[in-house]
Amino acid sequence: MAKTNSAFMKPMTVSPELAAVVGNGPMPRSEVVSKIWVYIKANNLQNPSDKKMIMSDEKLLKVFGGEKTVHMMKMAGHISKHLS
């Protein structure tokens, strides 16, 4: 039987900037990522010509350190700064 990664499922405190996007914590990192994707899709923030690029709106600018576009593989680094 596979052992689950308890660090990945540990509820984390969410910064006020991130809470504006995903809601108030604490919540596991996996839930934060899922909620960010729900927000991105609901607000049509993927670049239509390159779906891997996320276009920041006012709320995501605060989470992504002021970057107007972020590659989806770089999101985790930005999100980590808002979890404790």
N, C-alpha and C. Protein backbone atom coordinates (compact mmCIF):
# COMPACT_ATOMS: atom_id res chain seq x y z
N MET A 1 0.84 -1.18 0.00
CA MET A 1 0.00 0.00 0.00
C MET A 1 0.89 1.25 0.00
N ALA A 2 0.58 2.18 -0.89
CA ALA A 2 1.37 3.40 -1.03
C ALA A 2 1.11 4.34 0.14
N LYS A 3 2.18 4.95 0.59
CA LYS A 3 2.07 5.90 1.69
C LYS A 3 1.74 7.28 1.11
N THR A 4 0.76 7.97 1.68
CA THR A 4 0.41 9.30 1.18
C THR A 4 1.41 10.32 1.68
N ASN A 5 1.61 11.36 0.91
CA ASN A 5 2.53 12.43 1.28
C ASN A 5 1.79 13.39 2.19
N SER A 6 1.99 13.22 3.50
CA SER A 6 1.25 14.04 4.46
C SER A 6 1.63 15.52 4.37
N ALA A 7 2.87 15.83 3.94
CA ALA A 7 3.27 17.22 3.79
C ALA A 7 2.45 17.91 2.70
N PHE A 8 2.12 17.17 1.64
CA PHE A 8 1.34 17.73 0.54
C PHE A 8 -0.11 17.98 0.97
N MET A 9 -0.62 17.19 1.89
CA MET A 9 -2.01 17.30 2.32
C MET A 9 -2.18 18.15 3.59
N LYS A 10 -1.07 18.63 4.16
CA LYS A 10 -1.12 19.42 5.38
C LYS A 10 -1.82 20.75 5.12
N PRO A 11 -2.82 21.10 5.92
CA PRO A 11 -3.47 22.41 5.76
C PRO A 11 -2.47 23.54 6.00
N MET A 12 -2.46 24.50 5.09
CA MET A 12 -1.53 25.62 5.15
C MET A 12 -2.31 26.92 5.36
N THR A 13 -1.66 27.88 5.99
CA THR A 13 -2.24 29.21 6.14
C THR A 13 -2.08 29.95 4.82
N VAL A 14 -3.16 30.59 4.37
CA VAL A 14 -3.20 31.28 3.08
C VAL A 14 -3.05 32.78 3.31
N SER A 15 -2.18 33.43 2.54
CA SER A 15 -1.99 34.88 2.66
C SER A 15 -3.27 35.60 2.24
N PRO A 16 -3.46 36.85 2.69
CA PRO A 16 -4.64 37.62 2.27
C PRO A 16 -4.74 37.78 0.75
N GLU A 17 -3.59 37.94 0.07
CA GLU A 17 -3.60 38.09 -1.40
C GLU A 17 -4.10 36.82 -2.08
N LEU A 18 -3.63 35.68 -1.61
CA LEU A 18 -4.06 34.41 -2.18
C LEU A 18 -5.50 34.09 -1.78
N ALA A 19 -5.89 34.45 -0.56
CA ALA A 19 -7.26 34.21 -0.09
C ALA A 19 -8.28 34.95 -0.96
N ALA A 20 -7.89 36.08 -1.54
CA ALA A 20 -8.80 36.82 -2.43
C ALA A 20 -9.14 36.00 -3.66
N VAL A 21 -8.29 35.04 -4.02
CA VAL A 21 -8.51 34.20 -5.19
C VAL A 21 -9.14 32.86 -4.82
N VAL A 22 -8.63 32.22 -3.77
CA VAL A 22 -9.05 30.84 -3.44
C VAL A 22 -9.95 30.72 -2.23
N GLY A 23 -10.12 31.79 -1.48
CA GLY A 23 -10.91 31.73 -0.26
C GLY A 23 -10.00 31.58 0.94
N ASN A 24 -10.57 31.72 2.12
CA ASN A 24 -9.78 31.66 3.35
C ASN A 24 -9.33 30.25 3.66
N GLY A 25 -8.15 30.13 4.21
CA GLY A 25 -7.58 28.84 4.60
C GLY A 25 -7.96 28.54 6.02
N PRO A 26 -7.30 27.61 6.62
CA PRO A 26 -6.21 26.82 6.05
C PRO A 26 -6.74 25.76 5.08
N MET A 27 -5.88 25.42 4.10
CA MET A 27 -6.23 24.38 3.13
C MET A 27 -4.95 23.77 2.59
N PRO A 28 -5.03 22.51 2.17
CA PRO A 28 -3.84 21.86 1.61
C PRO A 28 -3.43 22.50 0.28
N ARG A 29 -2.15 22.39 -0.04
CA ARG A 29 -1.61 22.95 -1.28
C ARG A 29 -2.38 22.45 -2.50
N SER A 30 -2.75 21.17 -2.50
CA SER A 30 -3.48 20.60 -3.64
C SER A 30 -4.81 21.30 -3.87
N GLU A 31 -5.49 21.64 -2.78
CA GLU A 31 -6.77 22.35 -2.89
C GLU A 31 -6.57 23.78 -3.39
N VAL A 32 -5.49 24.42 -2.94
CA VAL A 32 -5.17 25.78 -3.39
C VAL A 32 -4.96 25.79 -4.91
N VAL A 33 -4.17 24.84 -5.40
CA VAL A 33 -3.90 24.75 -6.84
C VAL A 33 -5.19 24.51 -7.62
N SER A 34 -6.03 23.61 -7.13
CA SER A 34 -7.31 23.34 -7.80
C SER A 34 -8.18 24.58 -7.87
N LYS A 35 -8.24 25.32 -6.77
CA LYS A 35 -9.08 26.52 -6.74
C LYS A 35 -8.52 27.63 -7.63
N ILE A 36 -7.20 27.71 -7.73
CA ILE A 36 -6.61 28.71 -8.64
C ILE A 36 -7.00 28.38 -10.07
N TRP A 37 -6.96 27.09 -10.44
CA TRP A 37 -7.34 26.72 -11.81
C TRP A 37 -8.82 27.00 -12.07
N VAL A 38 -9.67 26.78 -11.08
CA VAL A 38 -11.10 27.11 -11.23
C VAL A 38 -11.23 28.61 -11.50
N TYR A 39 -10.49 29.42 -10.73
CA TYR A 39 -10.53 30.88 -10.90
C TYR A 39 -10.03 31.29 -12.29
N ILE A 40 -8.92 30.69 -12.72
CA ILE A 40 -8.34 31.02 -14.03
C ILE A 40 -9.33 30.70 -15.15
N LYS A 41 -9.94 29.53 -15.09
CA LYS A 41 -10.88 29.13 -16.14
C LYS A 41 -12.16 29.96 -16.09
N ALA A 42 -12.67 30.25 -14.89
CA ALA A 42 -13.90 31.02 -14.75
C ALA A 42 -13.74 32.45 -15.27
N ASN A 43 -12.51 32.98 -15.15
CA ASN A 43 -12.26 34.36 -15.57
C ASN A 43 -11.54 34.44 -16.92
N ASN A 44 -11.45 33.30 -17.62
CA ASN A 44 -10.87 33.24 -18.97
C ASN A 44 -9.47 33.89 -19.00
N LEU A 45 -8.58 33.42 -18.11
CA LEU A 45 -7.27 34.04 -17.97
C LEU A 45 -6.14 33.26 -18.65
N GLN A 46 -6.49 32.21 -19.40
CA GLN A 46 -5.47 31.53 -20.18
C GLN A 46 -5.31 32.24 -21.51
N ASN A 47 -4.07 32.40 -21.96
CA ASN A 47 -3.81 33.03 -23.25
C ASN A 47 -4.42 32.13 -24.33
N PRO A 48 -5.32 32.66 -25.16
CA PRO A 48 -5.98 31.82 -26.17
C PRO A 48 -5.01 31.18 -27.17
N SER A 49 -3.89 31.84 -27.45
CA SER A 49 -2.94 31.28 -28.42
C SER A 49 -1.92 30.34 -27.78
N ASP A 50 -1.77 30.40 -26.45
CA ASP A 50 -0.86 29.51 -25.73
C ASP A 50 -1.46 29.25 -24.35
N LYS A 51 -2.21 28.16 -24.23
CA LYS A 51 -2.95 27.86 -23.01
C LYS A 51 -2.05 27.64 -21.79
N LYS A 52 -0.73 27.48 -22.01
CA LYS A 52 0.20 27.30 -20.89
C LYS A 52 0.51 28.61 -20.18
N MET A 53 0.18 29.73 -20.82
CA MET A 53 0.45 31.04 -20.25
C MET A 53 -0.81 31.58 -19.57
N ILE A 54 -0.63 32.02 -18.34
CA ILE A 54 -1.73 32.58 -17.55
C ILE A 54 -1.59 34.09 -17.54
N MET A 55 -2.66 34.79 -17.89
CA MET A 55 -2.68 36.25 -17.90
C MET A 55 -3.23 36.72 -16.56
N SER A 56 -2.47 37.52 -15.86
CA SER A 56 -2.86 37.97 -14.52
C SER A 56 -3.91 39.07 -14.59
N ASP A 57 -4.93 38.92 -13.75
CA ASP A 57 -5.86 40.04 -13.53
C ASP A 57 -5.38 40.76 -12.27
N GLU A 58 -6.15 41.67 -11.75
CA GLU A 58 -5.74 42.47 -10.59
C GLU A 58 -5.41 41.58 -9.38
N LYS A 59 -6.22 40.56 -9.12
CA LYS A 59 -5.98 39.69 -7.97
C LYS A 59 -4.75 38.81 -8.16
N LEU A 60 -4.60 38.24 -9.36
CA LEU A 60 -3.45 37.35 -9.61
C LEU A 60 -2.13 38.12 -9.68
N LEU A 61 -2.17 39.39 -10.07
CA LEU A 61 -0.95 40.19 -10.07
C LEU A 61 -0.30 40.19 -8.69
N LYS A 62 -1.12 40.26 -7.65
CA LYS A 62 -0.61 40.27 -6.27
C LYS A 62 -0.02 38.91 -5.89
N VAL A 63 -0.61 37.84 -6.39
CA VAL A 63 -0.12 36.49 -6.09
C VAL A 63 1.14 36.19 -6.90
N PHE A 64 1.19 36.64 -8.14
CA PHE A 64 2.29 36.33 -9.05
C PHE A 64 3.40 37.37 -9.03
N GLY A 65 3.47 38.15 -7.98
CA GLY A 65 4.57 39.10 -7.82
C GLY A 65 4.61 40.20 -8.86
N GLY A 66 3.46 40.60 -9.37
CA GLY A 66 3.38 41.69 -10.33
C GLY A 66 3.61 41.27 -11.78
N GLU A 67 3.82 39.98 -12.03
CA GLU A 67 4.03 39.52 -13.41
C GLU A 67 2.70 39.47 -14.15
N LYS A 68 2.67 40.07 -15.34
CA LYS A 68 1.43 40.12 -16.13
C LYS A 68 1.09 38.78 -16.75
N THR A 69 2.10 37.98 -17.10
CA THR A 69 1.87 36.63 -17.61
C THR A 69 2.82 35.68 -16.89
N VAL A 70 2.30 34.48 -16.59
CA VAL A 70 3.08 33.47 -15.87
C VAL A 70 2.85 32.14 -16.57
N HIS A 71 3.94 31.41 -16.80
CA HIS A 71 3.82 30.06 -17.36
C HIS A 71 3.21 29.16 -16.28
N MET A 72 2.33 28.26 -16.67
CA MET A 72 1.62 27.44 -15.69
C MET A 72 2.58 26.61 -14.83
N MET A 73 3.75 26.27 -15.36
CA MET A 73 4.71 25.49 -14.58
C MET A 73 5.44 26.34 -13.54
N LYS A 74 5.35 27.65 -13.63
CA LYS A 74 5.99 28.56 -12.67
C LYS A 74 5.03 29.00 -11.56
N MET A 75 3.76 28.64 -11.69
CA MET A 75 2.76 29.07 -10.70
C MET A 75 3.07 28.56 -9.30
N ALA A 76 3.56 27.32 -9.18
CA ALA A 76 3.81 26.73 -7.87
C ALA A 76 4.79 27.56 -7.05
N GLY A 77 5.81 28.08 -7.71
CA GLY A 77 6.77 28.93 -7.00
C GLY A 77 6.14 30.18 -6.44
N HIS A 78 5.26 30.78 -7.21
CA HIS A 78 4.57 31.99 -6.75
C HIS A 78 3.59 31.65 -5.63
N ILE A 79 2.89 30.54 -5.77
CA ILE A 79 1.90 30.14 -4.76
C ILE A 79 2.58 29.84 -3.42
N SER A 80 3.74 29.20 -3.48
CA SER A 80 4.47 28.82 -2.26
C SER A 80 4.78 30.03 -1.37
N LYS A 81 5.01 31.16 -1.99
CA LYS A 81 5.32 32.38 -1.23
C LYS A 81 4.12 32.87 -0.42
N HIS A 82 2.94 32.37 -0.74
CA HIS A 82 1.72 32.81 -0.08
C HIS A 82 1.14 31.77 0.87
N LEU A 83 1.90 30.70 1.11
CA LEU A 83 1.47 29.65 2.03
C LEU A 83 2.45 29.52 3.18
N SER A 84 1.93 29.32 4.36
CA SER A 84 2.83 29.09 5.51
C SER A 84 2.21 28.09 6.47
